């Protein structure tokens, strides 16, 4: 993999993965503060928000572990798999939240979730299609 794709993949993995990891930890460990930062109304059952936070943190950690795997082994295979799988996760989560906003079950404060998830899914899909991981297969 040449320098430009390598740097782009590493940077995107750090930003997307790190962002999800930190956001997930905040949702899991301090859900009330996370909702305030999002501009979302307080919810009665913060345990469900914490559960979502654990999942989001794990998605973020998967990027970071894939990136560490590349640094330790020189192979992009695990990180490529993370990208391929998280496209599905991001499209599903973003679509669910967007539908809940459209139905009036979530306020517009939640719009950052589909916006972020769909953006990362699109970026990852385009870069995978452009072959940013192709040299890693050989």
N, C-alpha and C. Protein backbone atom coordinates (compact mmCIF):
# COMPACT_ATOMS: atom_id res chain seq x y z
N UNK A 1 0.86 -1.17 0.00
CA UNK A 1 0.00 0.00 0.00
C UNK A 1 0.90 1.22 0.00
N UNK A 2 0.64 2.14 -0.93
CA UNK A 2 1.51 3.32 -0.96
C UNK A 2 1.18 4.28 0.18
N UNK A 3 1.97 5.32 0.30
CA UNK A 3 1.92 6.20 1.46
C UNK A 3 0.57 6.90 1.63
N UNK A 4 -0.01 7.41 0.53
CA UNK A 4 -1.26 8.16 0.66
C UNK A 4 -2.40 7.28 1.18
N UNK A 5 -2.69 6.13 0.54
CA UNK A 5 -3.75 5.28 1.11
C UNK A 5 -3.43 4.81 2.52
N UNK A 6 -2.19 4.50 2.81
CA UNK A 6 -1.81 4.05 4.15
C UNK A 6 -2.15 5.13 5.18
N UNK A 7 -1.77 6.35 4.89
CA UNK A 7 -2.05 7.44 5.82
C UNK A 7 -3.55 7.70 5.94
N UNK A 8 -4.25 7.67 4.80
CA UNK A 8 -5.70 7.91 4.82
C UNK A 8 -6.41 6.84 5.64
N UNK A 9 -6.07 5.58 5.40
CA UNK A 9 -6.71 4.48 6.13
C UNK A 9 -6.40 4.58 7.62
N UNK A 10 -5.17 4.87 7.97
CA UNK A 10 -4.80 5.00 9.38
C UNK A 10 -5.54 6.16 10.03
N UNK A 11 -5.58 7.31 9.36
CA UNK A 11 -6.23 8.49 9.92
C UNK A 11 -7.73 8.27 10.08
N UNK A 12 -8.37 7.72 9.06
CA UNK A 12 -9.81 7.45 9.14
C UNK A 12 -10.10 6.45 10.25
N UNK A 13 -9.27 5.43 10.35
CA UNK A 13 -9.47 4.42 11.41
C UNK A 13 -9.31 5.04 12.79
N UNK A 14 -8.34 5.92 12.95
CA UNK A 14 -8.14 6.60 14.23
C UNK A 14 -9.31 7.52 14.58
N UNK A 15 -9.76 8.28 13.59
CA UNK A 15 -10.84 9.24 13.85
C UNK A 15 -12.17 8.52 14.07
N UNK A 16 -12.53 7.62 13.14
CA UNK A 16 -13.81 6.91 13.27
C UNK A 16 -13.79 6.00 14.50
N UNK A 17 -12.73 5.23 14.64
CA UNK A 17 -12.65 4.31 15.77
C UNK A 17 -12.50 5.02 17.09
N UNK A 18 -11.60 6.00 17.11
CA UNK A 18 -11.41 6.76 18.35
C UNK A 18 -12.65 7.51 18.76
N UNK A 19 -13.34 8.10 17.77
CA UNK A 19 -14.58 8.82 18.07
C UNK A 19 -15.64 7.91 18.65
N UNK A 20 -15.82 6.75 18.03
CA UNK A 20 -16.81 5.80 18.56
C UNK A 20 -16.40 5.27 19.93
N UNK A 21 -15.12 5.00 20.09
CA UNK A 21 -14.65 4.47 21.37
C UNK A 21 -14.91 5.47 22.50
N UNK A 22 -14.55 6.72 22.28
CA UNK A 22 -14.74 7.75 23.31
C UNK A 22 -16.23 8.02 23.53
N UNK A 23 -16.99 8.15 22.44
CA UNK A 23 -18.43 8.39 22.58
C UNK A 23 -19.10 7.23 23.32
N UNK A 24 -18.72 6.01 22.97
CA UNK A 24 -19.29 4.84 23.63
C UNK A 24 -18.96 4.80 25.11
N UNK A 25 -17.71 5.09 25.44
CA UNK A 25 -17.34 5.13 26.86
C UNK A 25 -18.14 6.18 27.61
N UNK A 26 -18.31 7.33 26.98
CA UNK A 26 -19.08 8.40 27.63
C UNK A 26 -20.53 7.96 27.83
N UNK A 27 -21.12 7.35 26.80
CA UNK A 27 -22.50 6.86 26.94
C UNK A 27 -22.60 5.78 28.01
N UNK A 28 -21.60 4.92 28.10
CA UNK A 28 -21.64 3.82 29.07
C UNK A 28 -21.36 4.28 30.49
N UNK A 29 -20.41 5.20 30.64
CA UNK A 29 -19.97 5.58 31.99
C UNK A 29 -20.63 6.84 32.53
N UNK A 30 -21.06 7.73 31.64
CA UNK A 30 -21.70 8.98 32.07
C UNK A 30 -22.83 9.31 31.10
N UNK A 31 -23.88 8.48 31.07
CA UNK A 31 -24.93 8.66 30.06
C UNK A 31 -25.66 10.01 30.15
N UNK A 32 -25.86 10.51 31.35
CA UNK A 32 -26.55 11.79 31.49
C UNK A 32 -25.73 12.91 30.85
N UNK A 33 -24.42 12.90 31.10
CA UNK A 33 -23.54 13.92 30.49
C UNK A 33 -23.50 13.78 28.97
N UNK A 34 -23.48 12.54 28.49
CA UNK A 34 -23.46 12.30 27.04
C UNK A 34 -24.71 12.88 26.39
N UNK A 35 -25.87 12.67 27.00
CA UNK A 35 -27.12 13.20 26.44
C UNK A 35 -27.11 14.72 26.44
N UNK A 36 -26.58 15.32 27.50
CA UNK A 36 -26.49 16.79 27.55
C UNK A 36 -25.58 17.29 26.43
N UNK A 37 -24.43 16.64 26.23
CA UNK A 37 -23.51 17.05 25.16
C UNK A 37 -24.14 16.92 23.78
N UNK A 38 -24.99 15.92 23.60
CA UNK A 38 -25.68 15.73 22.33
C UNK A 38 -26.82 16.72 22.15
N UNK A 39 -27.26 17.33 23.23
CA UNK A 39 -28.44 18.20 23.17
C UNK A 39 -29.72 17.40 23.17
N UNK A 40 -29.63 16.14 23.59
CA UNK A 40 -30.80 15.26 23.64
C UNK A 40 -31.45 15.36 25.01
N UNK A 41 -32.75 15.14 25.08
CA UNK A 41 -33.43 15.20 26.37
C UNK A 41 -33.02 14.03 27.26
N UNK A 42 -33.13 14.25 28.54
CA UNK A 42 -32.82 13.20 29.50
C UNK A 42 -33.83 12.07 29.34
N UNK A 43 -33.34 10.87 29.45
CA UNK A 43 -34.20 9.70 29.34
C UNK A 43 -34.35 9.06 30.71
N UNK A 44 -35.48 8.39 30.91
CA UNK A 44 -35.73 7.75 32.20
C UNK A 44 -34.81 6.57 32.44
N UNK A 45 -34.64 5.75 31.42
CA UNK A 45 -33.88 4.51 31.59
C UNK A 45 -32.48 4.65 31.00
N UNK A 46 -31.57 5.16 31.79
CA UNK A 46 -30.20 5.37 31.33
C UNK A 46 -29.45 4.06 31.12
N UNK A 47 -29.94 2.97 31.67
CA UNK A 47 -29.28 1.68 31.48
C UNK A 47 -29.27 1.30 30.00
N UNK A 48 -30.33 1.60 29.28
CA UNK A 48 -30.37 1.31 27.84
C UNK A 48 -29.34 2.15 27.08
N UNK A 49 -29.19 3.39 27.49
CA UNK A 49 -28.17 4.26 26.89
C UNK A 49 -26.78 3.68 27.19
N UNK A 50 -26.57 3.20 28.39
CA UNK A 50 -25.29 2.60 28.74
C UNK A 50 -25.03 1.35 27.89
N UNK A 51 -26.05 0.54 27.67
CA UNK A 51 -25.92 -0.64 26.83
C UNK A 51 -25.50 -0.26 25.41
N UNK A 52 -26.14 0.76 24.86
CA UNK A 52 -25.76 1.25 23.53
C UNK A 52 -24.32 1.75 23.56
N UNK A 53 -23.95 2.41 24.64
CA UNK A 53 -22.59 2.91 24.78
C UNK A 53 -21.55 1.80 24.75
N UNK A 54 -21.85 0.70 25.40
CA UNK A 54 -20.92 -0.43 25.38
C UNK A 54 -20.74 -0.93 23.96
N UNK A 55 -21.83 -1.04 23.21
CA UNK A 55 -21.75 -1.50 21.83
C UNK A 55 -20.94 -0.52 20.97
N UNK A 56 -21.24 0.77 21.11
CA UNK A 56 -20.53 1.79 20.33
C UNK A 56 -19.04 1.78 20.66
N UNK A 57 -18.71 1.65 21.93
CA UNK A 57 -17.29 1.58 22.32
C UNK A 57 -16.61 0.37 21.70
N UNK A 58 -17.31 -0.75 21.65
CA UNK A 58 -16.73 -1.96 21.04
C UNK A 58 -16.52 -1.80 19.54
N UNK A 59 -17.44 -1.14 18.87
CA UNK A 59 -17.25 -0.86 17.44
C UNK A 59 -16.00 0.01 17.27
N UNK A 60 -15.86 1.04 18.09
CA UNK A 60 -14.68 1.89 18.02
C UNK A 60 -13.41 1.12 18.32
N UNK A 61 -13.46 0.25 19.32
CA UNK A 61 -12.29 -0.54 19.67
C UNK A 61 -11.89 -1.48 18.53
N UNK A 62 -12.86 -1.93 17.75
CA UNK A 62 -12.53 -2.83 16.64
C UNK A 62 -11.64 -2.13 15.61
N UNK A 63 -11.91 -0.86 15.33
CA UNK A 63 -11.05 -0.10 14.44
C UNK A 63 -9.63 -0.01 15.02
N UNK A 64 -9.58 0.33 16.29
CA UNK A 64 -8.28 0.53 16.93
C UNK A 64 -7.49 -0.77 17.01
N UNK A 65 -8.16 -1.88 17.28
CA UNK A 65 -7.48 -3.17 17.31
C UNK A 65 -7.02 -3.59 15.92
N UNK A 66 -7.84 -3.31 14.91
CA UNK A 66 -7.43 -3.59 13.54
C UNK A 66 -6.21 -2.78 13.14
N UNK A 67 -6.18 -1.53 13.57
CA UNK A 67 -5.04 -0.66 13.30
C UNK A 67 -3.80 -1.15 14.03
N UNK A 68 -3.96 -1.54 15.27
CA UNK A 68 -2.82 -2.08 16.02
C UNK A 68 -2.32 -3.38 15.38
N UNK A 69 -3.21 -4.19 14.89
CA UNK A 69 -2.81 -5.43 14.21
C UNK A 69 -1.92 -5.12 13.01
N UNK A 70 -2.30 -4.09 12.25
CA UNK A 70 -1.46 -3.70 11.11
C UNK A 70 -0.08 -3.24 11.59
N UNK A 71 -0.05 -2.45 12.65
CA UNK A 71 1.23 -1.95 13.16
C UNK A 71 2.12 -3.10 13.65
N UNK A 72 1.51 -4.11 14.28
CA UNK A 72 2.28 -5.22 14.84
C UNK A 72 2.69 -6.24 13.79
N UNK A 73 1.80 -6.49 12.81
CA UNK A 73 2.06 -7.58 11.86
C UNK A 73 2.42 -7.11 10.46
N UNK A 74 2.09 -5.88 10.14
CA UNK A 74 2.30 -5.39 8.78
C UNK A 74 1.19 -5.80 7.83
N UNK A 75 0.18 -6.51 8.32
CA UNK A 75 -0.93 -6.95 7.49
C UNK A 75 -2.16 -6.08 7.71
N UNK A 76 -2.80 -5.68 6.60
CA UNK A 76 -4.00 -4.87 6.66
C UNK A 76 -5.26 -5.73 6.73
N UNK A 77 -5.15 -7.05 6.72
CA UNK A 77 -6.30 -7.94 6.58
C UNK A 77 -7.36 -7.70 7.66
N UNK A 78 -6.96 -7.61 8.91
CA UNK A 78 -7.94 -7.43 9.99
C UNK A 78 -8.62 -6.07 9.91
N UNK A 79 -7.85 -5.03 9.61
CA UNK A 79 -8.43 -3.70 9.50
C UNK A 79 -9.39 -3.63 8.32
N UNK A 80 -9.06 -4.27 7.23
CA UNK A 80 -9.97 -4.31 6.08
C UNK A 80 -11.29 -4.98 6.48
N UNK A 81 -11.20 -6.07 7.22
CA UNK A 81 -12.41 -6.75 7.68
C UNK A 81 -13.24 -5.84 8.58
N UNK A 82 -12.58 -5.10 9.46
CA UNK A 82 -13.29 -4.14 10.31
C UNK A 82 -14.05 -3.15 9.45
N UNK A 83 -13.38 -2.60 8.45
CA UNK A 83 -14.03 -1.63 7.57
C UNK A 83 -15.23 -2.25 6.86
N UNK A 84 -15.07 -3.45 6.35
CA UNK A 84 -16.16 -4.11 5.63
C UNK A 84 -17.37 -4.34 6.54
N UNK A 85 -17.12 -4.81 7.75
CA UNK A 85 -18.22 -5.10 8.68
C UNK A 85 -18.86 -3.83 9.23
N UNK A 86 -18.06 -2.84 9.55
CA UNK A 86 -18.64 -1.64 10.16
C UNK A 86 -19.46 -0.82 9.17
N UNK A 87 -19.26 -1.02 7.88
CA UNK A 87 -20.15 -0.38 6.90
C UNK A 87 -21.59 -0.84 7.18
N UNK A 88 -21.76 -2.15 7.34
CA UNK A 88 -23.09 -2.69 7.64
C UNK A 88 -23.62 -2.15 8.96
N UNK A 89 -22.80 -2.18 10.01
CA UNK A 89 -23.24 -1.69 11.32
C UNK A 89 -23.67 -0.24 11.23
N UNK A 90 -22.88 0.57 10.54
CA UNK A 90 -23.16 2.01 10.46
C UNK A 90 -24.42 2.30 9.65
N UNK A 91 -24.59 1.59 8.55
CA UNK A 91 -25.82 1.80 7.76
C UNK A 91 -27.04 1.40 8.58
N UNK A 92 -26.95 0.26 9.27
CA UNK A 92 -28.09 -0.21 10.07
C UNK A 92 -28.41 0.75 11.22
N UNK A 93 -27.40 1.13 11.97
CA UNK A 93 -27.63 2.03 13.11
C UNK A 93 -28.12 3.40 12.65
N UNK A 94 -27.49 3.93 11.62
CA UNK A 94 -27.90 5.24 11.11
C UNK A 94 -29.33 5.23 10.58
N UNK A 95 -29.69 4.17 9.88
CA UNK A 95 -31.05 4.06 9.33
C UNK A 95 -32.07 3.92 10.45
N UNK A 96 -31.76 3.10 11.45
CA UNK A 96 -32.68 2.95 12.58
C UNK A 96 -32.94 4.30 13.25
N UNK A 97 -31.88 5.03 13.56
CA UNK A 97 -32.05 6.31 14.25
C UNK A 97 -32.78 7.31 13.36
N UNK A 98 -32.46 7.34 12.07
CA UNK A 98 -33.16 8.25 11.15
C UNK A 98 -34.66 7.94 11.10
N UNK A 99 -35.00 6.67 11.06
CA UNK A 99 -36.42 6.29 11.06
C UNK A 99 -37.11 6.69 12.36
N UNK A 100 -36.40 6.56 13.48
CA UNK A 100 -36.98 6.96 14.76
C UNK A 100 -37.19 8.48 14.82
N UNK A 101 -36.28 9.23 14.22
CA UNK A 101 -36.46 10.69 14.14
C UNK A 101 -37.68 11.00 13.28
N UNK A 102 -37.79 10.33 12.12
CA UNK A 102 -38.91 10.56 11.21
C UNK A 102 -40.25 10.21 11.86
N UNK A 103 -40.27 9.19 12.70
CA UNK A 103 -41.50 8.78 13.39
C UNK A 103 -41.81 9.66 14.59
N UNK A 104 -40.88 10.51 14.98
CA UNK A 104 -41.09 11.37 16.14
C UNK A 104 -40.70 10.73 17.46
N UNK A 105 -40.07 9.56 17.40
CA UNK A 105 -39.65 8.89 18.64
C UNK A 105 -38.34 9.45 19.20
N UNK A 106 -37.50 9.99 18.33
CA UNK A 106 -36.26 10.66 18.74
C UNK A 106 -36.32 12.09 18.26
N UNK A 107 -35.75 12.99 19.02
CA UNK A 107 -35.67 14.39 18.62
C UNK A 107 -34.54 14.59 17.61
N UNK A 108 -34.54 15.76 16.97
CA UNK A 108 -33.51 16.08 15.98
C UNK A 108 -32.11 16.08 16.56
N UNK A 109 -31.97 16.18 17.87
CA UNK A 109 -30.65 16.14 18.49
C UNK A 109 -29.93 14.84 18.16
N UNK A 110 -30.70 13.80 17.83
CA UNK A 110 -30.12 12.50 17.49
C UNK A 110 -29.65 12.43 16.03
N UNK A 111 -29.87 13.47 15.25
CA UNK A 111 -29.52 13.45 13.83
C UNK A 111 -28.02 13.30 13.59
N UNK A 112 -27.23 13.62 14.59
CA UNK A 112 -25.78 13.45 14.42
C UNK A 112 -25.40 11.97 14.27
N UNK A 113 -26.23 11.07 14.79
CA UNK A 113 -25.93 9.64 14.69
C UNK A 113 -26.01 9.16 13.25
N UNK A 114 -27.15 9.33 12.54
CA UNK A 114 -27.15 8.89 11.15
C UNK A 114 -26.18 9.69 10.27
N UNK A 115 -26.03 10.97 10.56
CA UNK A 115 -25.11 11.77 9.75
C UNK A 115 -23.68 11.22 9.86
N UNK A 116 -23.25 10.92 11.06
CA UNK A 116 -21.91 10.39 11.27
C UNK A 116 -21.77 8.98 10.71
N UNK A 117 -22.73 8.12 11.05
CA UNK A 117 -22.63 6.73 10.60
C UNK A 117 -22.68 6.61 9.09
N UNK A 118 -23.59 7.31 8.45
CA UNK A 118 -23.68 7.22 6.99
C UNK A 118 -22.45 7.82 6.31
N UNK A 119 -21.91 8.89 6.89
CA UNK A 119 -20.70 9.49 6.31
C UNK A 119 -19.54 8.51 6.35
N UNK A 120 -19.29 7.91 7.52
CA UNK A 120 -18.18 6.95 7.62
C UNK A 120 -18.43 5.73 6.74
N UNK A 121 -19.66 5.25 6.67
CA UNK A 121 -19.96 4.10 5.81
C UNK A 121 -19.66 4.43 4.35
N UNK A 122 -20.03 5.63 3.92
CA UNK A 122 -19.77 6.04 2.54
C UNK A 122 -18.28 6.17 2.27
N UNK A 123 -17.56 6.84 3.16
CA UNK A 123 -16.12 7.00 3.01
C UNK A 123 -15.43 5.64 2.93
N UNK A 124 -15.78 4.75 3.84
CA UNK A 124 -15.15 3.43 3.86
C UNK A 124 -15.47 2.66 2.58
N UNK A 125 -16.74 2.69 2.16
CA UNK A 125 -17.13 1.95 0.96
C UNK A 125 -16.41 2.47 -0.28
N UNK A 126 -16.32 3.79 -0.39
CA UNK A 126 -15.64 4.37 -1.55
C UNK A 126 -14.15 4.01 -1.54
N UNK A 127 -13.50 4.14 -0.40
CA UNK A 127 -12.07 3.83 -0.36
C UNK A 127 -11.80 2.33 -0.57
N UNK A 128 -12.67 1.48 -0.06
CA UNK A 128 -12.52 0.05 -0.34
C UNK A 128 -12.70 -0.21 -1.84
N UNK A 129 -13.70 0.42 -2.43
CA UNK A 129 -13.96 0.26 -3.88
C UNK A 129 -12.79 0.79 -4.71
N UNK A 130 -12.16 1.85 -4.25
CA UNK A 130 -11.02 2.43 -4.97
C UNK A 130 -9.75 1.59 -4.80
N UNK A 131 -9.83 0.56 -3.95
CA UNK A 131 -8.71 -0.35 -3.82
C UNK A 131 -7.66 0.06 -2.81
N UNK A 132 -8.04 0.83 -1.81
CA UNK A 132 -7.05 1.27 -0.84
C UNK A 132 -6.43 0.12 -0.05
N UNK A 133 -7.07 -1.04 -0.06
CA UNK A 133 -6.54 -2.20 0.63
C UNK A 133 -6.00 -3.27 -0.35
N UNK A 134 -6.07 -3.01 -1.63
CA UNK A 134 -5.74 -4.04 -2.62
C UNK A 134 -4.34 -4.61 -2.47
N UNK A 135 -3.36 -3.77 -2.22
CA UNK A 135 -1.99 -4.27 -2.10
C UNK A 135 -1.82 -5.17 -0.88
N UNK A 136 -2.72 -5.01 0.10
CA UNK A 136 -2.62 -5.84 1.29
C UNK A 136 -2.98 -7.30 1.00
N UNK A 137 -3.74 -7.53 -0.09
CA UNK A 137 -4.16 -8.89 -0.43
C UNK A 137 -3.05 -9.70 -1.08
N UNK A 138 -2.11 -9.04 -1.69
CA UNK A 138 -1.06 -9.78 -2.41
C UNK A 138 0.07 -10.24 -1.52
